[in-house]
Amino acid sequence: MINEYRLHAQERAEQNIPPLPLDAEQTAALVDLLKQDNDESEFLLDLLKERVPAGVDQSAYVKAAFLADLTTGKAESPYITKVEAVEILGTMLGGYNIAPLVECLKIDGLGNAAADALRNFINL
């Protein structure tokens, strides 16, 4: 997945256009890589944060589900803490991230981060 994406990004750069966002299949592969030790952790985190579209497409669903699982302990990553998962959910612009953020309000140690993230979606 990493090599394929780098090749894609290089081809697009040669055309002076940005790489396409990750699709759902690529995002699922990325999630699998983030669950284990990997020498490419910084690159993988950048892909998760910057190359998965915010909103309500299938790749955003995969991303939000993974981050939600991190916040509840259903999944683990050596690179993303529970609080960081909440913070990343807060950057997703609404959609699949809202329900997990609301649930995080009930989890000790995550409530403040979730409230801060949700504040970005509500004009008070």
N, C-alpha and C. Protein backbone atom coordinates (compact mmCIF):
# COMPACT_ATOMS: atom_id res chain seq x y z
N MET A 1 0.83 -1.19 0.00
CA MET A 1 0.00 0.00 0.00
C MET A 1 0.87 1.25 0.00
N ILE A 2 1.90 1.26 0.84
CA ILE A 2 2.77 2.43 0.93
C ILE A 2 3.46 2.69 -0.40
N ASN A 3 4.03 1.66 -0.96
CA ASN A 3 4.75 1.82 -2.23
C ASN A 3 3.82 2.24 -3.36
N GLU A 4 2.64 1.64 -3.41
CA GLU A 4 1.67 2.01 -4.44
C GLU A 4 1.26 3.47 -4.31
N TYR A 5 1.03 3.93 -3.07
CA TYR A 5 0.62 5.31 -2.90
C TYR A 5 1.75 6.27 -3.25
N ARG A 6 2.97 5.93 -2.87
CA ARG A 6 4.10 6.79 -3.22
C ARG A 6 4.26 6.89 -4.74
N LEU A 7 4.09 5.79 -5.44
CA LEU A 7 4.17 5.79 -6.89
C LEU A 7 3.07 6.67 -7.48
N HIS A 8 1.87 6.52 -6.97
CA HIS A 8 0.74 7.34 -7.41
C HIS A 8 1.03 8.82 -7.17
N ALA A 9 1.53 9.15 -5.99
CA ALA A 9 1.83 10.55 -5.66
C ALA A 9 2.90 11.11 -6.58
N GLN A 10 3.90 10.29 -6.89
CA GLN A 10 4.97 10.73 -7.78
C GLN A 10 4.44 10.99 -9.19
N GLU A 11 3.60 10.08 -9.67
CA GLU A 11 3.01 10.26 -11.01
C GLU A 11 2.18 11.53 -11.07
N ARG A 12 1.42 11.78 -10.03
CA ARG A 12 0.60 13.00 -10.00
C ARG A 12 1.46 14.25 -9.88
N ALA A 13 2.54 14.17 -9.11
CA ALA A 13 3.44 15.32 -8.96
C ALA A 13 4.07 15.67 -10.30
N GLU A 14 4.40 14.67 -11.08
CA GLU A 14 4.97 14.91 -12.41
C GLU A 14 3.99 15.65 -13.32
N GLN A 15 2.71 15.55 -13.01
CA GLN A 15 1.66 16.25 -13.76
C GLN A 15 1.26 17.56 -13.08
N ASN A 16 1.98 17.90 -12.01
CA ASN A 16 1.70 19.11 -11.21
C ASN A 16 0.31 19.12 -10.61
N ILE A 17 -0.15 17.94 -10.19
CA ILE A 17 -1.44 17.84 -9.51
C ILE A 17 -1.24 17.03 -8.23
N PRO A 18 -2.03 17.31 -7.21
CA PRO A 18 -1.87 16.57 -5.95
C PRO A 18 -2.37 15.13 -6.10
N PRO A 19 -1.89 14.25 -5.23
CA PRO A 19 -2.38 12.87 -5.27
C PRO A 19 -3.85 12.82 -4.88
N LEU A 20 -4.52 11.81 -5.37
CA LEU A 20 -5.92 11.60 -5.00
C LEU A 20 -5.99 11.21 -3.53
N PRO A 21 -7.10 11.50 -2.88
CA PRO A 21 -7.28 11.02 -1.51
C PRO A 21 -7.35 9.50 -1.49
N LEU A 22 -7.11 8.93 -0.33
CA LEU A 22 -7.21 7.48 -0.19
C LEU A 22 -8.66 7.03 -0.34
N ASP A 23 -8.85 5.90 -1.00
CA ASP A 23 -10.18 5.33 -1.08
C ASP A 23 -10.40 4.42 0.13
N ALA A 24 -11.56 3.82 0.23
CA ALA A 24 -11.89 3.00 1.41
C ALA A 24 -10.95 1.80 1.54
N GLU A 25 -10.62 1.16 0.44
CA GLU A 25 -9.72 0.00 0.49
C GLU A 25 -8.32 0.41 0.96
N GLN A 26 -7.82 1.52 0.43
CA GLN A 26 -6.51 2.02 0.85
C GLN A 26 -6.54 2.43 2.31
N THR A 27 -7.63 3.04 2.74
CA THR A 27 -7.76 3.47 4.13
C THR A 27 -7.78 2.26 5.06
N ALA A 28 -8.47 1.20 4.67
CA ALA A 28 -8.49 -0.02 5.47
C ALA A 28 -7.09 -0.62 5.58
N ALA A 29 -6.34 -0.61 4.49
CA ALA A 29 -4.96 -1.11 4.52
C ALA A 29 -4.10 -0.22 5.42
N LEU A 30 -4.32 1.07 5.35
CA LEU A 30 -3.61 2.02 6.21
C LEU A 30 -3.90 1.75 7.68
N VAL A 31 -5.15 1.52 8.01
CA VAL A 31 -5.55 1.21 9.38
C VAL A 31 -4.82 -0.04 9.87
N ASP A 32 -4.77 -1.06 9.03
CA ASP A 32 -4.06 -2.29 9.42
C ASP A 32 -2.59 -2.00 9.71
N LEU A 33 -1.97 -1.15 8.91
CA LEU A 33 -0.57 -0.80 9.12
C LEU A 33 -0.37 0.00 10.40
N LEU A 34 -1.34 0.83 10.73
CA LEU A 34 -1.24 1.66 11.94
C LEU A 34 -1.46 0.86 13.22
N LYS A 35 -1.95 -0.34 13.10
CA LYS A 35 -2.18 -1.18 14.27
C LYS A 35 -0.95 -1.96 14.69
N GLN A 36 0.11 -1.86 13.92
CA GLN A 36 1.32 -2.63 14.20
C GLN A 36 2.55 -1.74 14.07
N ASP A 37 3.67 -2.23 14.58
CA ASP A 37 4.91 -1.48 14.45
C ASP A 37 5.27 -1.36 12.98
N ASN A 38 5.73 -0.16 12.61
CA ASN A 38 6.06 0.09 11.22
C ASN A 38 7.10 1.20 11.16
N ASP A 39 8.12 0.99 10.34
CA ASP A 39 9.16 2.00 10.17
C ASP A 39 8.65 3.26 9.50
N GLU A 40 7.50 3.20 8.88
CA GLU A 40 6.93 4.32 8.14
C GLU A 40 5.84 5.04 8.94
N SER A 41 5.92 5.00 10.25
CA SER A 41 4.83 5.50 11.08
C SER A 41 4.50 6.97 10.81
N GLU A 42 5.49 7.82 10.64
CA GLU A 42 5.20 9.24 10.39
C GLU A 42 4.46 9.43 9.07
N PHE A 43 4.89 8.70 8.05
CA PHE A 43 4.22 8.77 6.75
C PHE A 43 2.79 8.26 6.86
N LEU A 44 2.61 7.16 7.58
CA LEU A 44 1.28 6.59 7.76
C LEU A 44 0.34 7.54 8.49
N LEU A 45 0.84 8.17 9.54
CA LEU A 45 0.03 9.14 10.28
C LEU A 45 -0.34 10.33 9.39
N ASP A 46 0.61 10.77 8.57
CA ASP A 46 0.32 11.87 7.66
C ASP A 46 -0.77 11.47 6.67
N LEU A 47 -0.69 10.26 6.15
CA LEU A 47 -1.74 9.79 5.24
C LEU A 47 -3.10 9.79 5.94
N LEU A 48 -3.14 9.28 7.17
CA LEU A 48 -4.41 9.23 7.89
C LEU A 48 -4.98 10.63 8.11
N LYS A 49 -4.13 11.55 8.51
CA LYS A 49 -4.59 12.89 8.84
C LYS A 49 -4.87 13.75 7.61
N GLU A 50 -4.09 13.57 6.56
CA GLU A 50 -4.15 14.51 5.43
C GLU A 50 -4.71 13.95 4.14
N ARG A 51 -4.72 12.64 3.96
CA ARG A 51 -5.10 12.09 2.66
C ARG A 51 -6.40 11.29 2.68
N VAL A 52 -7.04 11.19 3.84
CA VAL A 52 -8.37 10.59 3.91
C VAL A 52 -9.35 11.75 3.94
N PRO A 53 -10.27 11.81 2.98
CA PRO A 53 -11.16 12.96 2.92
C PRO A 53 -12.04 13.09 4.16
N ALA A 54 -12.21 14.32 4.59
CA ALA A 54 -13.14 14.60 5.68
C ALA A 54 -14.56 14.52 5.11
N GLY A 55 -15.50 14.15 5.90
CA GLY A 55 -16.87 14.12 5.42
C GLY A 55 -17.52 12.77 5.56
N VAL A 56 -18.26 12.37 4.54
CA VAL A 56 -19.10 11.19 4.67
C VAL A 56 -18.92 10.17 3.55
N ASP A 57 -17.74 10.08 2.97
CA ASP A 57 -17.54 9.00 2.00
C ASP A 57 -17.05 7.74 2.75
N GLN A 58 -16.88 6.65 2.04
CA GLN A 58 -16.55 5.37 2.67
C GLN A 58 -15.18 5.38 3.35
N SER A 59 -14.22 6.10 2.79
CA SER A 59 -12.90 6.15 3.44
C SER A 59 -12.99 6.92 4.76
N ALA A 60 -13.81 7.95 4.81
CA ALA A 60 -14.01 8.67 6.07
C ALA A 60 -14.68 7.77 7.10
N TYR A 61 -15.59 6.90 6.64
CA TYR A 61 -16.23 5.95 7.53
C TYR A 61 -15.21 5.00 8.16
N VAL A 62 -14.29 4.49 7.33
CA VAL A 62 -13.26 3.58 7.81
C VAL A 62 -12.37 4.29 8.82
N LYS A 63 -11.98 5.51 8.49
CA LYS A 63 -11.12 6.31 9.39
C LYS A 63 -11.82 6.55 10.72
N ALA A 64 -13.07 7.01 10.67
CA ALA A 64 -13.80 7.31 11.90
C ALA A 64 -14.01 6.06 12.74
N ALA A 65 -14.31 4.94 12.10
CA ALA A 65 -14.51 3.70 12.84
C ALA A 65 -13.24 3.27 13.55
N PHE A 66 -12.11 3.37 12.88
CA PHE A 66 -10.83 3.04 13.48
C PHE A 66 -10.54 3.94 14.67
N LEU A 67 -10.71 5.23 14.49
CA LEU A 67 -10.44 6.17 15.59
C LEU A 67 -11.40 5.94 16.75
N ALA A 68 -12.66 5.66 16.44
CA ALA A 68 -13.63 5.35 17.50
C ALA A 68 -13.21 4.11 18.26
N ASP A 69 -12.75 3.09 17.54
CA ASP A 69 -12.29 1.87 18.21
C ASP A 69 -11.08 2.14 19.09
N LEU A 70 -10.22 3.05 18.68
CA LEU A 70 -9.08 3.43 19.53
C LEU A 70 -9.56 4.06 20.83
N THR A 71 -10.57 4.92 20.74
CA THR A 71 -11.05 5.63 21.94
C THR A 71 -11.70 4.69 22.94
N THR A 72 -12.27 3.61 22.46
CA THR A 72 -12.95 2.67 23.36
C THR A 72 -12.07 1.49 23.76
N GLY A 73 -10.90 1.39 23.17
CA GLY A 73 -10.01 0.28 23.48
C GLY A 73 -10.27 -0.97 22.65
N LYS A 74 -11.19 -0.91 21.69
CA LYS A 74 -11.44 -2.05 20.82
C LYS A 74 -10.29 -2.29 19.85
N ALA A 75 -9.49 -1.25 19.61
CA ALA A 75 -8.31 -1.34 18.75
C ALA A 75 -7.19 -0.58 19.43
N GLU A 76 -5.97 -0.90 19.04
CA GLU A 76 -4.80 -0.21 19.57
C GLU A 76 -3.85 0.13 18.44
N SER A 77 -3.12 1.20 18.63
CA SER A 77 -2.07 1.61 17.70
C SER A 77 -0.89 2.10 18.53
N PRO A 78 0.31 1.70 18.15
CA PRO A 78 1.47 2.21 18.88
C PRO A 78 1.74 3.69 18.59
N TYR A 79 0.98 4.28 17.68
CA TYR A 79 1.24 5.65 17.23
C TYR A 79 0.16 6.65 17.58
N ILE A 80 -1.01 6.18 18.01
CA ILE A 80 -2.13 7.09 18.27
C ILE A 80 -2.71 6.78 19.64
N THR A 81 -2.65 7.75 20.54
CA THR A 81 -3.27 7.58 21.85
C THR A 81 -4.77 7.80 21.73
N LYS A 82 -5.48 7.50 22.79
CA LYS A 82 -6.93 7.74 22.79
C LYS A 82 -7.23 9.23 22.62
N VAL A 83 -6.49 10.07 23.31
CA VAL A 83 -6.72 11.52 23.18
C VAL A 83 -6.41 11.99 21.77
N GLU A 84 -5.33 11.49 21.19
CA GLU A 84 -5.00 11.87 19.81
C GLU A 84 -6.08 11.40 18.84
N ALA A 85 -6.65 10.23 19.11
CA ALA A 85 -7.75 9.74 18.26
C ALA A 85 -8.92 10.71 18.31
N VAL A 86 -9.23 11.20 19.50
CA VAL A 86 -10.31 12.19 19.64
C VAL A 86 -9.96 13.46 18.86
N GLU A 87 -8.73 13.90 18.99
CA GLU A 87 -8.31 15.12 18.29
C GLU A 87 -8.40 14.95 16.77
N ILE A 88 -8.02 13.79 16.27
CA ILE A 88 -8.11 13.55 14.83
C ILE A 88 -9.58 13.47 14.41
N LEU A 89 -10.41 12.82 15.21
CA LEU A 89 -11.85 12.81 14.92
C LEU A 89 -12.38 14.24 14.81
N GLY A 90 -11.85 15.12 15.63
CA GLY A 90 -12.30 16.51 15.62
C GLY A 90 -11.94 17.27 14.37
N THR A 91 -11.06 16.72 13.55
CA THR A 91 -10.67 17.41 12.31
C THR A 91 -11.47 16.94 11.10
N MET A 92 -12.41 16.05 11.31
CA MET A 92 -13.09 15.41 10.18
C MET A 92 -14.30 16.18 9.66
N LEU A 93 -14.60 17.33 10.15
CA LEU A 93 -15.63 18.23 9.61
C LEU A 93 -17.06 17.74 9.71
N GLY A 94 -17.34 16.81 10.56
CA GLY A 94 -18.71 16.35 10.74
C GLY A 94 -19.02 15.16 9.86
N GLY A 95 -19.96 14.37 10.29
CA GLY A 95 -20.30 13.16 9.56
C GLY A 95 -20.15 11.97 10.47
N TYR A 96 -19.31 11.04 10.07
CA TYR A 96 -19.12 9.81 10.83
C TYR A 96 -18.38 10.01 12.14
N ASN A 97 -17.82 11.17 12.35
CA ASN A 97 -17.07 11.43 13.58
C ASN A 97 -17.93 11.93 14.73
N ILE A 98 -19.10 12.41 14.47
CA ILE A 98 -19.91 13.05 15.51
C ILE A 98 -20.34 12.05 16.59
N ALA A 99 -20.91 10.92 16.22
CA ALA A 99 -21.36 9.94 17.22
C ALA A 99 -20.21 9.45 18.10
N PRO A 100 -19.02 9.10 17.52
CA PRO A 100 -17.92 8.71 18.40
C PRO A 100 -17.47 9.82 19.34
N LEU A 101 -17.49 11.06 18.86
CA LEU A 101 -17.10 12.18 19.73
C LEU A 101 -18.09 12.34 20.88
N VAL A 102 -19.37 12.19 20.61
CA VAL A 102 -20.38 12.29 21.67
C VAL A 102 -20.16 11.17 22.68
N GLU A 103 -19.85 9.97 22.21
CA GLU A 103 -19.58 8.85 23.12
C GLU A 103 -18.34 9.13 23.97
N CYS A 104 -17.36 9.80 23.40
CA CYS A 104 -16.14 10.12 24.14
C CYS A 104 -16.39 11.07 25.31
N LEU A 105 -17.49 11.82 25.24
CA LEU A 105 -17.84 12.71 26.35
C LEU A 105 -18.06 11.91 27.63
N LYS A 106 -18.43 10.62 27.48
CA LYS A 106 -18.74 9.77 28.63
C LYS A 106 -17.53 8.98 29.13
N ILE A 107 -16.39 9.08 28.44
CA ILE A 107 -15.22 8.27 28.78
C ILE A 107 -14.24 9.11 29.60
N ASP A 108 -13.90 8.61 30.78
CA ASP A 108 -12.94 9.31 31.64
C ASP A 108 -11.65 9.58 30.88
N GLY A 109 -11.18 10.80 30.96
CA GLY A 109 -9.94 11.18 30.32
C GLY A 109 -10.09 11.66 28.88
N LEU A 110 -11.27 11.48 28.31
CA LEU A 110 -11.49 11.91 26.92
C LEU A 110 -12.56 12.99 26.80
N GLY A 111 -13.32 13.20 27.85
CA GLY A 111 -14.44 14.14 27.80
C GLY A 111 -14.04 15.55 27.40
N ASN A 112 -12.98 16.08 27.99
CA ASN A 112 -12.56 17.44 27.65
C ASN A 112 -12.10 17.56 26.20
N ALA A 113 -11.32 16.58 25.74
CA ALA A 113 -10.86 16.59 24.35
C ALA A 113 -12.05 16.48 23.39
N ALA A 114 -13.03 15.64 23.74
CA ALA A 114 -14.22 15.49 22.91
C ALA A 114 -15.03 16.78 22.89
N ALA A 115 -15.17 17.42 24.04
CA ALA A 115 -15.91 18.69 24.10
C ALA A 115 -15.22 19.74 23.24
N ASP A 116 -13.89 19.79 23.31
CA ASP A 116 -13.14 20.75 22.49
C ASP A 116 -13.36 20.46 21.01
N ALA A 117 -13.32 19.18 20.64
CA ALA A 117 -13.51 18.81 19.24
C ALA A 117 -14.93 19.15 18.77
N LEU A 118 -15.93 18.84 19.59
CA LEU A 118 -17.31 19.12 19.22
C LEU A 118 -17.60 20.62 19.14
N ARG A 119 -16.87 21.39 19.91
CA ARG A 119 -17.04 22.84 19.90
C ARG A 119 -16.82 23.41 18.49
N ASN A 120 -16.00 22.74 17.70
CA ASN A 120 -15.72 23.20 16.34
C ASN A 120 -16.93 23.05 15.41
N PHE A 121 -17.90 22.24 15.81
CA PHE A 121 -19.05 21.99 14.97
C PHE A 121 -20.30 22.75 15.41
N ILE A 122 -20.21 23.39 16.57
CA ILE A 122 -21.37 24.06 17.13
C ILE A 122 -21.02 25.53 17.35
N ASN A 123 -21.82 26.40 16.79
CA ASN A 123 -21.62 27.83 17.03
C ASN A 123 -22.39 28.23 18.27
N LEU A 124 -21.66 28.64 19.29
CA LEU A 124 -22.31 29.06 20.53
C LEU A 124 -22.28 30.56 20.64
